[in-house]
Amino acid sequence: MARKNRNAMPDWFVQQDRSPPACVLCRHEYDRAKLTKHHLVPKSRGGTETVLLCRPCHKTVHATFTEKELERDYDTVEALRNAEALHGWISWIRKRKPGKRIRVR
């Protein structure tokens, strides 16, 4: 049995176009280490597809919606971007500098 290469980047981490990775909601560019994986359908509900979100956006998504809502209504990037509850957040955070510490309640 072949050994697993522990230094290889996971598939979700490798980008084809080599541009700096960006949060899919606020579209700020970050180092890869600053982005987190968000399961479009929660793992607890069988989801496997992921997208990259910055920490403030990721925390806001989970503070705003329940897992059931995420599974039922917001299982695509477009649905999250068009969510009425996130419109104010997205327009506000886009005006902030990337990497600035933001508190999410």
Protein backbone atom coordinates (compact mmCIF):
# COMPACT_ATOMS: atom_id res chain seq x y z
CA MET A 1 0.00 0.00 0.00
CA ALA A 2 1.39 3.40 -1.00
CA ARG A 3 2.00 6.04 1.62
CA LYS A 4 -0.18 9.10 1.65
CA ASN A 5 1.71 12.30 0.83
CA ARG A 6 1.14 14.44 3.91
CA ASN A 7 2.56 17.54 2.20
CA ALA A 8 0.12 17.43 -0.71
CA MET A 9 -2.55 20.12 -0.75
CA PRO A 10 -6.14 18.91 -0.41
CA ASP A 11 -8.22 19.14 -3.60
CA TRP A 12 -10.35 21.98 -2.26
CA PHE A 13 -7.19 23.98 -1.48
CA VAL A 14 -5.74 23.91 -4.99
CA GLN A 15 -6.99 26.59 -7.35
CA GLN A 16 -6.74 26.20 -11.09
CA ASP A 17 -6.21 29.86 -11.99
CA ARG A 18 -3.53 30.56 -9.36
CA SER A 19 -5.12 33.86 -8.35
CA PRO A 20 -5.20 34.60 -4.62
CA PRO A 21 -8.10 32.77 -2.98
CA ALA A 22 -11.10 34.89 -2.05
CA CYS A 23 -14.08 34.54 0.26
CA VAL A 24 -17.12 33.64 -1.87
CA LEU A 25 -19.36 36.08 0.06
CA CYS A 26 -17.36 39.27 0.62
CA ARG A 27 -14.91 38.48 -2.22
CA HIS A 28 -11.93 39.77 -0.24
CA GLU A 29 -8.66 38.05 -1.14
CA TYR A 30 -6.85 36.30 1.72
CA ASP A 31 -3.96 33.95 2.34
CA ARG A 32 -5.19 30.38 2.12
CA ALA A 33 -4.61 29.93 5.85
CA LYS A 34 -7.10 32.71 6.65
CA LEU A 35 -10.00 31.04 4.81
CA THR A 36 -12.22 28.30 6.21
CA LYS A 37 -14.20 25.56 4.51
CA HIS A 38 -17.97 25.97 4.65
CA HIS A 39 -20.12 22.94 3.85
CA LEU A 40 -23.01 24.17 1.71
CA VAL A 41 -25.11 21.36 3.19
CA PRO A 42 -23.98 20.75 6.79
CA LYS A 43 -21.79 17.68 7.35
CA SER A 44 -24.25 16.43 9.94
CA ARG A 45 -26.86 16.29 7.17
CA GLY A 46 -24.63 14.51 4.65
CA GLY A 47 -23.08 17.48 2.86
CA THR A 48 -19.73 17.14 1.12
CA GLU A 49 -19.47 20.18 -1.19
CA THR A 50 -17.45 23.02 0.33
CA VAL A 51 -16.61 26.64 -0.47
CA LEU A 52 -14.04 29.00 1.05
CA LEU A 53 -15.25 31.71 3.42
CA CYS A 54 -13.31 34.16 5.57
CA ARG A 55 -13.83 33.69 9.29
CA PRO A 56 -16.16 36.69 9.79
CA CYS A 57 -18.44 35.62 6.92
CA HIS A 58 -18.39 31.98 8.07
CA LYS A 59 -19.32 32.93 11.63
CA THR A 60 -22.07 35.23 10.38
CA VAL A 61 -23.60 32.53 8.18
CA HIS A 62 -23.78 30.12 11.12
CA ALA A 63 -25.02 32.81 13.51
CA THR A 64 -27.78 33.78 11.07
CA PHE A 65 -29.09 30.42 9.84
CA THR A 66 -29.83 27.06 11.45
CA GLU A 67 -28.45 23.87 9.91
CA LYS A 68 -31.92 23.00 8.69
CA GLU A 69 -32.22 26.38 6.91
CA LEU A 70 -28.76 25.99 5.38
CA GLU A 71 -29.68 22.55 4.05
CA ARG A 72 -33.13 23.51 2.79
CA ASP A 73 -32.75 27.08 1.50
CA TYR A 74 -29.07 28.05 1.26
CA ASP A 75 -27.29 25.07 -0.29
CA THR A 76 -25.61 27.08 -3.08
CA VAL A 77 -23.27 30.07 -3.14
CA GLU A 78 -25.84 32.05 -5.11
CA ALA A 79 -28.52 31.36 -2.50
CA LEU A 80 -26.20 32.58 0.28
CA ARG A 81 -25.27 35.72 -1.68
CA ASN A 82 -28.94 36.47 -2.37
CA ALA A 83 -30.12 35.77 1.19
CA GLU A 84 -32.07 38.77 2.45
CA ALA A 85 -30.66 38.29 5.97
CA LEU A 86 -27.07 38.64 4.69
CA HIS A 87 -27.49 41.64 2.33
CA GLY A 88 -26.60 44.19 5.02
CA TRP A 89 -23.67 42.13 6.26
CA ILE A 90 -22.18 41.60 2.81
CA SER A 91 -22.43 45.27 1.83
CA TRP A 92 -20.96 46.32 5.20
CA ILE A 93 -18.01 43.91 5.19
CA ARG A 94 -17.08 44.69 1.58
CA LYS A 95 -16.27 48.24 2.72
CA ARG A 96 -13.84 46.97 5.38
CA LYS A 97 -10.19 46.13 4.82
CA PRO A 98 -9.51 42.40 4.43
CA GLY A 99 -7.92 40.90 7.51
CA LYS A 100 -9.26 43.55 9.89
CA ARG A 101 -10.46 41.94 13.08
CA ILE A 102 -14.26 41.88 13.09
CA ARG A 103 -16.41 40.75 15.96
CA VAL A 104 -19.41 38.59 15.10
CA ARG A 105 -22.18 38.11 17.62
